[in-house]
Every structure is written in C-alpha cells, then in structure tokens.
Amino acid sequence: MEGVVKESSISIEISGKDALDFECDALILKYAQHLYGADAAVHARLSDIGKEPSLPDIGEAVITSSSGAVGARYVAFPAGR
C-alpha cells in the first residue's frame, strides 16, 4: 500500500497548575450531569465570552474551541455513564 504515513504522538501531562490558565491543546473535564469545580469555572469563562457550550448527555461528549477563554485551545466535556 502506497501513501503518506503521518506520524503523530500524544503527550499527556499531569500538572498541579491552574487548569484555567494551563496552555495546552485540549483540556478534558469530566461532566457529572452538573457543573462543579473546574468544569463550572471553564463553562463560566466560555459563557462570559458568549460561547456557552451545550452540555453532553450521559455517554456523550461536547468539544469546543476555547477562543482564548482558557489556556487550552479546545475544551472537552465528556459525560460518564
């Protein structure tokens, strides 16, 4: 099979820094059917700039651009089961 092989890597970092200001590609926040702690703070910052994301149903996820509201380029709200 011929073609271009694109290599990529994923780096996961656990940090004690403020999640709202930590610069990264994606900030993944568990959504537990209500907003608490960090997910509430990120949701509030997104809402403050007019980008209030819809929240996921159980087993779903919502991914949105942060538009500079937080340090991460994208924010994901996955909902557990």
PDB file of N, CA and C in Angstrom:
ATOM      1  N   MET A   1       0.844  -1.168   0.000  1.00  0.00           N
ATOM      2  CA  MET A   1       0.000   0.000   0.000  1.00  0.00           C
ATOM      3  C   MET A   1       0.891   1.232   0.000  1.00  0.00           C
ATOM      4  N   GLU A   2       0.673   2.106  -0.947  1.00  0.00           N
ATOM      5  CA  GLU A   2       1.460   3.327  -1.035  1.00  0.00           C
ATOM      6  C   GLU A   2       0.681   4.493  -0.455  1.00  0.00           C
ATOM      7  N   GLY A   3       1.384   5.474   0.005  1.00  0.00           N
ATOM      8  CA  GLY A   3       0.746   6.668   0.535  1.00  0.00           C
ATOM      9  C   GLY A   3       1.657   7.352   1.526  1.00  0.00           C
ATOM     10  N   VAL A   4       1.159   8.384   2.069  1.00  0.00           N
ATOM     11  CA  VAL A   4       1.915   9.148   3.045  1.00  0.00           C
ATOM     12  C   VAL A   4       1.561   8.643   4.433  1.00  0.00           C
ATOM     13  N   VAL A   5       2.575   8.353   5.188  1.00  0.00           N
ATOM     14  CA  VAL A   5       2.362   7.942   6.575  1.00  0.00           C
ATOM     15  C   VAL A   5       2.628   9.156   7.447  1.00  0.00           C
ATOM     16  N   LYS A   6       1.631   9.541   8.177  1.00  0.00           N
ATOM     17  CA  LYS A   6       1.775  10.692   9.059  1.00  0.00           C
ATOM     18  C   LYS A   6       1.998  10.182  10.476  1.00  0.00           C
ATOM     19  N   GLU A   7       3.132  10.523  11.018  1.00  0.00           N
ATOM     20  CA  GLU A   7       3.421  10.133  12.388  1.00  0.00           C
ATOM     21  C   GLU A   7       2.890  11.205  13.325  1.00  0.00           C
ATOM     22  N   SER A   8       2.345  10.771  14.416  1.00  0.00           N
ATOM     23  CA  SER A   8       1.888  11.715  15.427  1.00  0.00           C
ATOM     24  C   SER A   8       2.152  11.115  16.796  1.00  0.00           C
ATOM     25  N   SER A   9       2.137  11.954  17.750  1.00  0.00           N
ATOM     26  CA  SER A   9       2.321  11.471  19.111  1.00  0.00           C
ATOM     27  C   SER A   9       1.366  12.212  20.028  1.00  0.00           C
ATOM     28  N   ILE A  10       1.038  11.566  21.098  1.00  0.00           N
ATOM     29  CA  ILE A  10       0.179  12.168  22.106  1.00  0.00           C
ATOM     30  C   ILE A  10       0.997  12.278  23.375  1.00  0.00           C
ATOM     31  N   SER A  11       0.955  13.433  23.958  1.00  0.00           N
ATOM     32  CA  SER A  11       1.653  13.656  25.215  1.00  0.00           C
ATOM     33  C   SER A  11       0.614  14.004  26.269  1.00  0.00           C
ATOM     34  N   ILE A  12       0.654  13.301  27.369  1.00  0.00           N
ATOM     35  CA  ILE A  12      -0.262  13.579  28.473  1.00  0.00           C
ATOM     36  C   ILE A  12       0.572  14.087  29.634  1.00  0.00           C
ATOM     37  N   GLU A  13       0.163  15.215  30.177  1.00  0.00           N
ATOM     38  CA  GLU A  13       0.894  15.801  31.295  1.00  0.00           C
ATOM     39  C   GLU A  13      -0.058  16.024  32.455  1.00  0.00           C
ATOM     40  N   ILE A  14       0.335  15.593  33.618  1.00  0.00           N
ATOM     41  CA  ILE A  14      -0.432  15.855  34.834  1.00  0.00           C
ATOM     42  C   ILE A  14       0.290  16.983  35.553  1.00  0.00           C
ATOM     43  N   SER A  15      -0.455  18.028  35.873  1.00  0.00           N
ATOM     44  CA  SER A  15       0.162  19.223  36.433  1.00  0.00           C
ATOM     45  C   SER A  15      -0.653  19.734  37.610  1.00  0.00           C
ATOM     46  N   GLY A  16       0.019  20.357  38.530  1.00  0.00           N
ATOM     47  CA  GLY A  16      -0.656  20.990  39.654  1.00  0.00           C
ATOM     48  C   GLY A  16      -0.980  22.452  39.381  1.00  0.00           C
ATOM     49  N   LYS A  17      -0.778  22.890  38.145  1.00  0.00           N
ATOM     50  CA  LYS A  17      -1.045  24.283  37.775  1.00  0.00           C
ATOM     51  C   LYS A  17      -2.549  24.523  37.641  1.00  0.00           C
ATOM     52  N   ASP A  18      -2.932  25.786  37.592  1.00  0.00           N
ATOM     53  CA  ASP A  18      -4.328  26.174  37.413  1.00  0.00           C
ATOM     54  C   ASP A  18      -4.813  25.715  36.043  1.00  0.00           C
ATOM     55  N   ALA A  19      -5.811  24.858  36.013  1.00  0.00           N
ATOM     56  CA  ALA A  19      -6.324  24.289  34.760  1.00  0.00           C
ATOM     57  C   ALA A  19      -6.851  25.361  33.814  1.00  0.00           C
ATOM     58  N   LEU A  20      -7.337  26.470  34.355  1.00  0.00           N
ATOM     59  CA  LEU A  20      -7.891  27.509  33.501  1.00  0.00           C
ATOM     60  C   LEU A  20      -6.824  28.262  32.716  1.00  0.00           C
ATOM     61  N   ASP A  21      -5.628  28.321  33.256  1.00  0.00           N
ATOM     62  CA  ASP A  21      -4.560  29.087  32.610  1.00  0.00           C
ATOM     63  C   ASP A  21      -3.486  28.215  31.970  1.00  0.00           C
ATOM     64  N   PHE A  22      -3.553  26.908  32.145  1.00  0.00           N
ATOM     65  CA  PHE A  22      -2.541  25.991  31.626  1.00  0.00           C
ATOM     66  C   PHE A  22      -2.639  25.927  30.102  1.00  0.00           C
ATOM     67  N   GLU A  23      -1.546  26.255  29.410  1.00  0.00           N
ATOM     68  CA  GLU A  23      -1.545  26.246  27.947  1.00  0.00           C
ATOM     69  C   GLU A  23      -1.343  24.826  27.431  1.00  0.00           C
ATOM     70  N   CYS A  24      -2.303  24.368  26.631  1.00  0.00           N
ATOM     71  CA  CYS A  24      -2.247  23.017  26.065  1.00  0.00           C
ATOM     72  C   CYS A  24      -3.197  22.955  24.868  1.00  0.00           C
ATOM     73  N   ASP A  25      -3.171  21.846  24.164  1.00  0.00           N
ATOM     74  CA  ASP A  25      -4.073  21.681  23.020  1.00  0.00           C
ATOM     75  C   ASP A  25      -5.504  21.430  23.472  1.00  0.00           C
ATOM     76  N   ALA A  26      -5.669  20.563  24.486  1.00  0.00           N
ATOM     77  CA  ALA A  26      -7.025  20.204  24.909  1.00  0.00           C
ATOM     78  C   ALA A  26      -7.097  20.021  26.417  1.00  0.00           C
ATOM     79  N   LEU A  27      -8.140  20.561  27.001  1.00  0.00           N
ATOM     80  CA  LEU A  27      -8.432  20.382  28.415  1.00  0.00           C
ATOM     81  C   LEU A  27      -9.668  19.496  28.494  1.00  0.00           C
ATOM     82  N   ILE A  28      -9.520  18.323  29.117  1.00  0.00           N
ATOM     83  CA  ILE A  28     -10.614  17.358  29.219  1.00  0.00           C
ATOM     84  C   ILE A  28     -11.176  17.440  30.631  1.00  0.00           C
ATOM     85  N   LEU A  29     -12.458  17.754  30.736  1.00  0.00           N
ATOM     86  CA  LEU A  29     -13.112  17.931  32.030  1.00  0.00           C
ATOM     87  C   LEU A  29     -14.289  16.969  32.155  1.00  0.00           C
ATOM     88  N   LYS A  30     -14.279  16.133  33.170  1.00  0.00           N
ATOM     89  CA  LYS A  30     -15.397  15.210  33.363  1.00  0.00           C
ATOM     90  C   LYS A  30     -16.639  16.002  33.738  1.00  0.00           C
ATOM     91  N   TYR A  31     -17.725  15.733  33.030  1.00  0.00           N
ATOM     92  CA  TYR A  31     -19.007  16.370  33.325  1.00  0.00           C
ATOM     93  C   TYR A  31     -19.893  15.328  33.993  1.00  0.00           C
ATOM     94  N   ALA A  32     -20.334  15.597  35.214  1.00  0.00           N
ATOM     95  CA  ALA A  32     -21.101  14.627  36.007  1.00  0.00           C
ATOM     96  C   ALA A  32     -22.567  15.053  36.144  1.00  0.00           C
ATOM     97  N   GLN A  33     -23.185  15.435  35.051  1.00  0.00           N
ATOM     98  CA  GLN A  33     -24.577  15.857  34.964  1.00  0.00           C
ATOM     99  C   GLN A  33     -24.884  17.167  35.691  1.00  0.00           C
ATOM    100  N   HIS A  34     -23.905  17.734  36.358  1.00  0.00           N
ATOM    101  CA  HIS A  34     -23.993  19.062  36.958  1.00  0.00           C
ATOM    102  C   HIS A  34     -22.597  19.665  36.897  1.00  0.00           C
ATOM    103  N   LEU A  35     -22.524  20.977  36.875  1.00  0.00           N
ATOM    104  CA  LEU A  35     -21.225  21.645  36.840  1.00  0.00           C
ATOM    105  C   LEU A  35     -20.697  21.843  38.261  1.00  0.00           C
ATOM    106  N   TYR A  36     -19.455  21.399  38.480  1.00  0.00           N
ATOM    107  CA  TYR A  36     -18.773  21.545  39.761  1.00  0.00           C
ATOM    108  C   TYR A  36     -17.381  22.089  39.471  1.00  0.00           C
ATOM    109  N   GLY A  37     -16.667  22.576  40.441  1.00  0.00           N
ATOM    110  CA  GLY A  37     -15.246  22.903  40.345  1.00  0.00           C
ATOM    111  C   GLY A  37     -14.740  23.439  39.016  1.00  0.00           C
ATOM    112  N   ALA A  38     -13.737  22.743  38.469  1.00  0.00           N
ATOM    113  CA  ALA A  38     -13.059  23.206  37.254  1.00  0.00           C
ATOM    114  C   ALA A  38     -13.992  23.264  36.055  1.00  0.00           C
ATOM    115  N   ASP A  39     -14.887  22.277  35.898  1.00  0.00           N
ATOM    116  CA  ASP A  39     -15.787  22.323  34.740  1.00  0.00           C
ATOM    117  C   ASP A  39     -16.727  23.521  34.834  1.00  0.00           C
ATOM    118  N   ALA A  40     -17.163  23.871  36.046  1.00  0.00           N
ATOM    119  CA  ALA A  40     -18.023  25.048  36.228  1.00  0.00           C
ATOM    120  C   ALA A  40     -17.261  26.330  35.895  1.00  0.00           C
ATOM    121  N   ALA A  41     -16.003  26.409  36.322  1.00  0.00           N
ATOM    122  CA  ALA A  41     -15.196  27.604  36.064  1.00  0.00           C
ATOM    123  C   ALA A  41     -14.933  27.790  34.572  1.00  0.00           C
ATOM    124  N   VAL A  42     -14.613  26.703  33.877  1.00  0.00           N
ATOM    125  CA  VAL A  42     -14.373  26.779  32.431  1.00  0.00           C
ATOM    126  C   VAL A  42     -15.665  27.137  31.708  1.00  0.00           C
ATOM    127  N   HIS A  43     -16.768  26.511  32.088  1.00  0.00           N
ATOM    128  CA  HIS A  43     -18.065  26.810  31.469  1.00  0.00           C
ATOM    129  C   HIS A  43     -18.411  28.289  31.665  1.00  0.00           C
ATOM    130  N   ALA A  44     -18.137  28.823  32.860  1.00  0.00           N
ATOM    131  CA  ALA A  44     -18.409  30.240  33.138  1.00  0.00           C
ATOM    132  C   ALA A  44     -17.558  31.150  32.257  1.00  0.00           C
ATOM    133  N   ARG A  45     -16.275  30.816  32.099  1.00  0.00           N
ATOM    134  CA  ARG A  45     -15.405  31.639  31.242  1.00  0.00           C
ATOM    135  C   ARG A  45     -15.873  31.612  29.794  1.00  0.00           C
ATOM    136  N   LEU A  46     -16.274  30.438  29.317  1.00  0.00           N
ATOM    137  CA  LEU A  46     -16.789  30.347  27.945  1.00  0.00           C
ATOM    138  C   LEU A  46     -18.076  31.157  27.810  1.00  0.00           C
ATOM    139  N   SER A  47     -18.940  31.071  28.809  1.00  0.00           N
ATOM    140  CA  SER A  47     -20.195  31.829  28.783  1.00  0.00           C
ATOM    141  C   SER A  47     -19.933  33.331  28.781  1.00  0.00           C
ATOM    142  N   ASP A  48     -18.914  33.757  29.541  1.00  0.00           N
ATOM    143  CA  ASP A  48     -18.576  35.185  29.620  1.00  0.00           C
ATOM    144  C   ASP A  48     -18.208  35.781  28.268  1.00  0.00           C
ATOM    145  N   ILE A  49     -17.690  34.952  27.350  1.00  0.00           N
ATOM    146  CA  ILE A  49     -17.332  35.471  26.024  1.00  0.00           C
ATOM    147  C   ILE A  49     -18.385  35.089  24.974  1.00  0.00           C
ATOM    148  N   GLY A  50     -19.550  34.634  25.446  1.00  0.00           N
ATOM    149  CA  GLY A  50     -20.645  34.310  24.528  1.00  0.00           C
ATOM    150  C   GLY A  50     -20.523  32.964  23.844  1.00  0.00           C
ATOM    151  N   LYS A  51     -19.720  32.047  24.398  1.00  0.00           N
ATOM    152  CA  LYS A  51     -19.522  30.726  23.796  1.00  0.00           C
ATOM    153  C   LYS A  51     -20.025  29.616  24.713  1.00  0.00           C
ATOM    154  N   GLU A  52     -21.134  29.832  25.400  1.00  0.00           N
ATOM    155  CA  GLU A  52     -21.653  28.823  26.335  1.00  0.00           C
ATOM    156  C   GLU A  52     -21.902  27.507  25.604  1.00  0.00           C
ATOM    157  N   PRO A  53     -21.123  26.471  25.926  1.00  0.00           N
ATOM    158  CA  PRO A  53     -21.305  25.195  25.223  1.00  0.00           C
ATOM    159  C   PRO A  53     -22.518  24.440  25.744  1.00  0.00           C
ATOM    160  N   SER A  54     -23.138  23.678  24.858  1.00  0.00           N
ATOM    161  CA  SER A  54     -24.181  22.774  25.326  1.00  0.00           C
ATOM    162  C   SER A  54     -23.483  21.705  26.150  1.00  0.00           C
ATOM    163  N   LEU A  55     -24.194  21.085  27.052  1.00  0.00           N
ATOM    164  CA  LEU A  55     -23.596  20.050  27.891  1.00  0.00           C
ATOM    165  C   LEU A  55     -24.065  18.683  27.419  1.00  0.00           C
ATOM    166  N   PRO A  56     -23.199  17.675  27.524  1.00  0.00           N
ATOM    167  CA  PRO A  56     -23.495  16.368  26.938  1.00  0.00           C
ATOM    168  C   PRO A  56     -24.490  15.536  27.740  1.00  0.00           C
ATOM    169  N   ASP A  57     -25.175  14.662  27.021  1.00  0.00           N
ATOM    170  CA  ASP A  57     -25.998  13.647  27.663  1.00  0.00           C
ATOM    171  C   ASP A  57     -25.075  12.540  28.150  1.00  0.00           C
ATOM    172  N   ILE A  58     -25.568  11.680  29.001  1.00  0.00           N
ATOM    173  CA  ILE A  58     -24.783  10.558  29.520  1.00  0.00           C
ATOM    174  C   ILE A  58     -24.226   9.736  28.363  1.00  0.00           C
ATOM    175  N   GLY A  59     -22.923   9.459  28.413  1.00  0.00           N
ATOM    176  CA  GLY A  59     -22.248   8.677  27.382  1.00  0.00           C
ATOM    177  C   GLY A  59     -21.817   9.475  26.165  1.00  0.00           C
ATOM    178  N   GLU A  60     -22.096  10.765  26.140  1.00  0.00           N
ATOM    179  CA  GLU A  60     -21.732  11.633  25.021  1.00  0.00           C
ATOM    180  C   GLU A  60     -20.605  12.574  25.450  1.00  0.00           C
ATOM    181  N   ALA A  61     -20.143  13.401  24.527  1.00  0.00           N
ATOM    182  CA  ALA A  61     -19.122  14.405  24.829  1.00  0.00           C
ATOM    183  C   ALA A  61     -19.358  15.641  23.974  1.00  0.00           C
ATOM    184  N   VAL A  62     -18.966  16.779  24.490  1.00  0.00           N
ATOM    185  CA  VAL A  62     -19.006  18.042  23.752  1.00  0.00           C
ATOM    186  C   VAL A  62     -17.577  18.567  23.701  1.00  0.00           C
ATOM    187  N   ILE A  63     -17.121  18.929  22.508  1.00  0.00           N
ATOM    188  CA  ILE A  63     -15.787  19.500  22.324  1.00  0.00           C
ATOM    189  C   ILE A  63     -15.965  20.851  21.648  1.00  0.00           C
ATOM    190  N   THR A  64     -15.304  21.877  22.184  1.00  0.00           N
ATOM    191  CA  THR A  64     -15.452  23.217  21.634  1.00  0.00           C
ATOM    192  C   THR A  64     -14.117  23.962  21.674  1.00  0.00           C
ATOM    193  N   SER A  65     -13.961  24.902  20.782  1.00  0.00           N
ATOM    194  CA  SER A  65     -12.800  25.789  20.818  1.00  0.00           C
ATOM    195  C   SER A  65     -12.943  26.700  22.031  1.00  0.00           C
ATOM    196  N   SER A  66     -11.847  26.980  22.695  1.00  0.00           N
ATOM    197  CA  SER A  66     -11.919  27.860  23.867  1.00  0.00           C
ATOM    198  C   SER A  66     -11.946  29.333  23.476  1.00  0.00           C
ATOM    199  N   SER A  67     -11.553  29.644  22.264  1.00  0.00           N
ATOM    200  CA  SER A  67     -11.497  31.034  21.788  1.00  0.00           C
ATOM    201  C   SER A  67     -10.747  31.947  22.750  1.00  0.00           C
ATOM    202  N   GLY A  68      -9.745  31.387  23.434  1.00  0.00           N
ATOM    203  CA  GLY A  68      -8.923  32.179  24.335  1.00  0.00           C
ATOM    204  C   GLY A  68      -9.489  32.382  25.731  1.00  0.00           C
ATOM    205  N   ALA A  69     -10.643  31.798  26.029  1.00  0.00           N
ATOM    206  CA  ALA A  69     -11.241  31.961  27.356  1.00  0.00           C
ATOM    207  C   ALA A  69     -10.418  31.270  28.438  1.00  0.00           C
ATOM    208  N   VAL A  70      -9.710  30.210  28.057  1.00  0.00           N
ATOM    209  CA  VAL A  70      -8.813  29.481  28.958  1.00  0.00           C
ATOM    210  C   VAL A  70      -7.510  29.220  28.208  1.00  0.00           C
ATOM    211  N   GLY A  71      -6.526  28.674  28.877  1.00  0.00           N
ATOM    212  CA  GLY A  71      -5.231  28.426  28.253  1.00  0.00           C
ATOM    213  C   GLY A  71      -5.247  27.353  27.180  1.00  0.00           C
ATOM    214  N   ALA A  72      -6.168  26.407  27.286  1.00  0.00           N
ATOM    215  CA  ALA A  72      -6.263  25.318  26.308  1.00  0.00           C
ATOM    216  C   ALA A  72      -6.902  25.812  25.016  1.00  0.00           C
ATOM    217  N   ARG A  73      -6.475  25.242  23.882  1.00  0.00           N
ATOM    218  CA  ARG A  73      -7.080  25.601  22.592  1.00  0.00           C
ATOM    219  C   ARG A  73      -8.494  25.046  22.479  1.00  0.00           C
ATOM    220  N   TYR A  74      -8.694  23.832  22.999  1.00  0.00           N
ATOM    221  CA  TYR A  74     -10.003  23.175  22.942  1.00  0.00           C
ATOM    222  C   TYR A  74     -10.375  22.677  24.329  1.00  0.00           C
ATOM    223  N   VAL A  75     -11.670  22.600  24.578  1.00  0.00           N
ATOM    224  CA  VAL A  75     -12.188  22.082  25.839  1.00  0.00           C
ATOM    225  C   VAL A  75     -13.161  20.960  25.515  1.00  0.00           C
ATOM    226  N   ALA A  76     -13.033  19.850  26.248  1.00  0.00           N
ATOM    227  CA  ALA A  76     -13.945  18.715  26.067  1.00  0.00           C
ATOM    228  C   ALA A  76     -14.654  18.437  27.383  1.00  0.00           C
ATOM    229  N   PHE A  77     -15.960  18.230  27.263  1.00  0.00           N
ATOM    230  CA  PHE A  77     -16.787  17.858  28.404  1.00  0.00           C
ATOM    231  C   PHE A  77     -17.365  16.469  28.130  1.00  0.00           C
ATOM    232  N   PRO A  78     -16.654  15.384  28.492  1.00  0.00           N
ATOM    233  CA  PRO A  78     -17.252  14.058  28.343  1.00  0.00           C
ATOM    234  C   PRO A  78     -18.118  13.750  29.566  1.00  0.00           C
ATOM    235  N   ALA A  79     -19.248  13.093  29.336  1.00  0.00           N
ATOM    236  CA  ALA A  79     -20.136  12.710  30.440  1.00  0.00           C
ATOM    237  C   ALA A  79     -20.030  11.215  30.676  1.00  0.00           C
ATOM    238  N   GLY A  80     -19.837  10.839  31.915  1.00  0.00           N
ATOM    239  CA  GLY A  80     -19.749   9.423  32.271  1.00  0.00           C
ATOM    240  C   GLY A  80     -21.094   8.731  32.181  1.00  0.00           C
ATOM    241  N   ARG A  81     -21.061   7.452  32.438  1.00  0.00           N
ATOM    242  CA  ARG A  81     -22.300   6.666  32.422  1.00  0.00           C
ATOM    243  C   ARG A  81     -22.733   6.351  33.814  1.00  0.00           C
TER     244      ARG A  81
END
